[in-house]
């Protein structure tokens, strides 16, 4: 059965519209305002906060730096005196974040810190990635003094029995010769 030129043109037009619609779905965040595609959360590197970088000062050892900041994401075998701390996060509903801090060492002591000028505090970082801000209206986990007063009083445990009286008798031969 042979298709007419009108049917062929109509079929090509529908296929072109369908493919054009696919492109618009790729570039938008939702489809008709109803469906939002799932985006994978990608977190790479070490989260470095303002409090952590303030604890790192020139003159401290590599071990002390590692205790505060963790293991560096990049430690080049050819540049052993350079540690790179890189952090990036892509999370749906939050702004993407990229940070880079370079630490230079001289004979096992921290010499310089590059980057890290605009690091967030720990609280600011948590707030920046918290995408459930409007749904967290829970009361704080604390009891009022009158609620604490209504709790049942703890019961004192019974006194422990005398250890010598309750010791089991030996039913096996001694391990050492007498």
Protein backbone atom coordinates (compact mmCIF):
# COMPACT_ATOMS: atom_id res chain seq x y z
CA UNK A 1 0.00 0.00 0.00
CA UNK A 2 1.42 3.32 -1.04
CA UNK A 3 1.15 6.54 1.04
CA UNK A 4 0.05 9.72 -0.62
CA UNK A 5 2.21 12.81 -0.52
CA UNK A 6 -0.26 14.52 1.82
CA UNK A 7 -0.16 11.64 4.28
CA UNK A 8 3.64 11.60 4.14
CA UNK A 9 3.83 15.36 4.75
CA UNK A 10 1.39 15.09 7.66
CA UNK A 11 3.38 12.20 9.19
CA UNK A 12 6.65 14.16 8.88
CA UNK A 13 5.00 17.22 10.43
CA UNK A 14 3.74 15.22 13.43
CA UNK A 15 7.18 13.59 13.86
CA UNK A 16 8.86 17.02 13.75
CA UNK A 17 6.50 18.41 16.38
CA UNK A 18 7.07 15.38 18.60
CA UNK A 19 10.84 15.71 18.36
CA UNK A 20 10.63 19.44 19.02
CA UNK A 21 8.57 18.70 22.13
CA UNK A 22 11.27 16.34 23.37
CA UNK A 23 13.83 19.13 23.21
CA UNK A 24 11.63 21.48 25.20
CA UNK A 25 11.16 18.82 27.90
CA UNK A 26 14.93 18.49 28.30
CA UNK A 27 15.45 22.18 28.91
CA UNK A 28 12.58 22.86 31.31
CA UNK A 29 12.32 22.04 35.00
CA UNK A 30 8.75 20.78 34.85
CA UNK A 31 6.17 19.57 32.38
CA UNK A 32 2.97 21.63 32.28
CA UNK A 33 3.72 22.81 35.81
CA UNK A 34 2.72 19.40 37.19
CA UNK A 35 5.58 16.95 36.81
CA UNK A 36 9.12 17.72 37.92
CA UNK A 37 11.73 15.23 36.73
CA UNK A 38 14.02 13.68 39.32
CA UNK A 39 17.52 15.13 39.35
CA UNK A 40 20.32 13.17 40.96
CA UNK A 41 21.98 14.93 43.88
CA UNK A 42 25.71 15.14 43.28
CA UNK A 43 28.02 15.95 46.20
CA UNK A 44 31.78 15.84 45.72
CA UNK A 45 34.64 16.74 48.00
CA UNK A 46 34.90 18.10 51.51
CA UNK A 47 32.49 20.59 53.04
CA UNK A 48 34.71 23.32 54.48
CA UNK A 49 33.04 25.91 56.69
CA UNK A 50 34.16 29.26 58.06
CA UNK A 51 34.65 27.72 61.52
CA UNK A 52 36.95 25.03 60.13
CA UNK A 53 39.16 27.37 58.10
CA UNK A 54 39.51 29.68 61.13
CA UNK A 55 40.93 26.73 63.09
CA UNK A 56 43.66 26.18 60.46
CA UNK A 57 46.60 28.57 60.77
CA UNK A 58 50.05 28.63 59.14
CA UNK A 59 52.58 26.65 61.16
CA UNK A 60 50.41 23.67 62.09
CA UNK A 61 51.34 20.18 60.87
CA UNK A 62 49.73 18.15 58.09
CA UNK A 63 48.19 15.82 60.66
CA UNK A 64 46.56 18.75 62.45
CA UNK A 65 45.19 20.07 59.15
CA UNK A 66 43.80 16.63 58.35
CA UNK A 67 42.15 16.45 61.79
CA UNK A 68 40.30 19.73 61.14
CA UNK A 69 39.55 19.61 57.40
CA UNK A 70 39.69 15.90 56.63
CA UNK A 71 41.63 14.20 53.86
CA UNK A 72 42.13 16.46 50.83
CA UNK A 73 40.27 15.59 47.66
CA UNK A 74 43.45 16.12 45.62
CA UNK A 75 46.92 15.33 46.88
CA UNK A 76 49.25 15.30 43.87
CA UNK A 77 52.17 12.86 43.97
CA UNK A 78 54.29 15.30 41.96
CA UNK A 79 53.44 18.30 44.15
CA UNK A 80 53.57 16.83 47.64
CA UNK A 81 53.52 20.26 49.27
CA UNK A 82 50.09 21.11 47.84
CA UNK A 83 46.69 19.91 49.06
CA UNK A 84 43.50 20.85 47.24
CA UNK A 85 40.17 20.82 49.05
CA UNK A 86 37.41 20.98 46.44
CA UNK A 87 33.68 20.93 47.15
CA UNK A 88 30.72 20.97 44.80
CA UNK A 89 27.06 20.18 45.29
CA UNK A 90 24.15 20.08 42.87
CA UNK A 91 20.87 19.62 44.66
CA UNK A 92 17.38 20.00 43.26
CA UNK A 93 15.71 23.10 44.69
CA UNK A 94 18.99 24.65 45.90
CA UNK A 95 21.62 26.80 44.23
CA UNK A 96 24.69 24.85 43.05
CA UNK A 97 27.83 25.48 45.08
CA UNK A 98 31.50 25.22 44.09
CA UNK A 99 34.43 25.97 46.39
CA UNK A 100 38.18 25.43 46.15
CA UNK A 101 40.84 25.86 48.84
CA UNK A 102 44.55 25.24 48.22
CA UNK A 103 46.92 24.62 51.12
CA UNK A 104 50.67 24.85 50.60
CA UNK A 105 53.11 23.15 52.96
CA UNK A 106 56.80 23.59 53.63
CA UNK A 107 58.60 20.73 55.41
CA UNK A 108 55.39 19.27 56.93
CA UNK A 109 54.13 22.67 58.19
CA UNK A 110 51.29 24.69 56.67
CA UNK A 111 52.69 27.71 54.85
CA UNK A 112 49.78 29.38 53.03
CA UNK A 113 46.01 29.09 52.50
CA UNK A 114 44.57 30.18 49.15
CA UNK A 115 40.83 30.64 48.72
CA UNK A 116 38.22 30.21 51.39
CA UNK A 117 37.45 33.92 51.65
CA UNK A 118 33.66 33.63 51.35
CA UNK A 119 33.01 30.34 53.12
CA UNK A 120 29.64 29.94 54.83
CA UNK A 121 29.30 29.13 58.49
CA UNK A 122 28.03 25.67 59.32
CA UNK A 123 24.51 26.99 59.94
CA UNK A 124 24.53 29.00 56.68
CA UNK A 125 25.64 25.93 54.73
CA UNK A 126 22.87 23.77 56.19
CA UNK A 127 20.30 26.48 55.43
CA UNK A 128 21.57 26.80 51.85
CA UNK A 129 20.99 23.11 51.07
CA UNK A 130 17.82 22.65 53.13
CA UNK A 131 15.07 22.36 50.52
CA UNK A 132 12.35 21.53 53.09
CA UNK A 133 12.34 24.91 54.88
CA UNK A 134 8.59 25.48 54.68
CA UNK A 135 7.63 22.04 55.99
CA UNK A 136 9.78 22.17 59.11
CA UNK A 137 7.53 23.85 61.63
CA UNK A 138 8.10 21.29 64.36
CA UNK A 139 8.30 22.43 67.95
CA UNK A 140 11.76 22.33 69.55
CA UNK A 141 12.59 19.17 71.45
CA UNK A 142 12.46 20.64 74.95
CA UNK A 143 10.14 20.09 77.89
CA UNK A 144 8.67 22.84 79.99
CA UNK A 145 9.56 22.68 83.72
CA UNK A 146 5.95 21.80 84.61
CA UNK A 147 6.10 18.83 82.17
CA UNK A 148 9.35 17.65 83.75
CA UNK A 149 7.71 17.85 87.21
CA UNK A 150 4.88 15.56 86.05
CA UNK A 151 7.25 12.78 84.96
CA UNK A 152 7.34 9.70 87.23
CA UNK A 153 10.19 9.68 89.70
CA UNK A 154 12.94 7.14 88.96
CA UNK A 155 12.90 4.02 91.12
CA UNK A 156 16.09 3.22 93.00
CA UNK A 157 17.60 -0.10 91.92
CA UNK A 158 17.68 -2.89 94.52
CA UNK A 159 20.98 -3.23 96.41
CA UNK A 160 23.51 -5.54 94.78
CA UNK A 161 23.92 -8.92 96.49
CA UNK A 162 27.17 -9.66 98.27
CA UNK A 163 29.69 -10.74 95.62
CA UNK A 164 31.36 -13.37 97.83
CA UNK A 165 28.06 -15.00 98.74
CA UNK A 166 26.84 -15.23 95.18
CA UNK A 167 30.10 -16.38 93.57
CA UNK A 168 29.70 -19.71 91.77
CA UNK A 169 31.66 -22.67 93.04
CA UNK A 170 34.37 -24.00 90.78
CA UNK A 171 33.39 -27.15 88.91
CA UNK A 172 36.51 -27.49 86.76
CA UNK A 173 40.12 -28.29 87.58
CA UNK A 174 42.52 -25.37 88.09
CA UNK A 175 44.49 -24.20 85.02
CA UNK A 176 47.80 -24.09 86.86
CA UNK A 177 49.46 -26.91 88.71
CA UNK A 178 49.78 -26.33 92.43
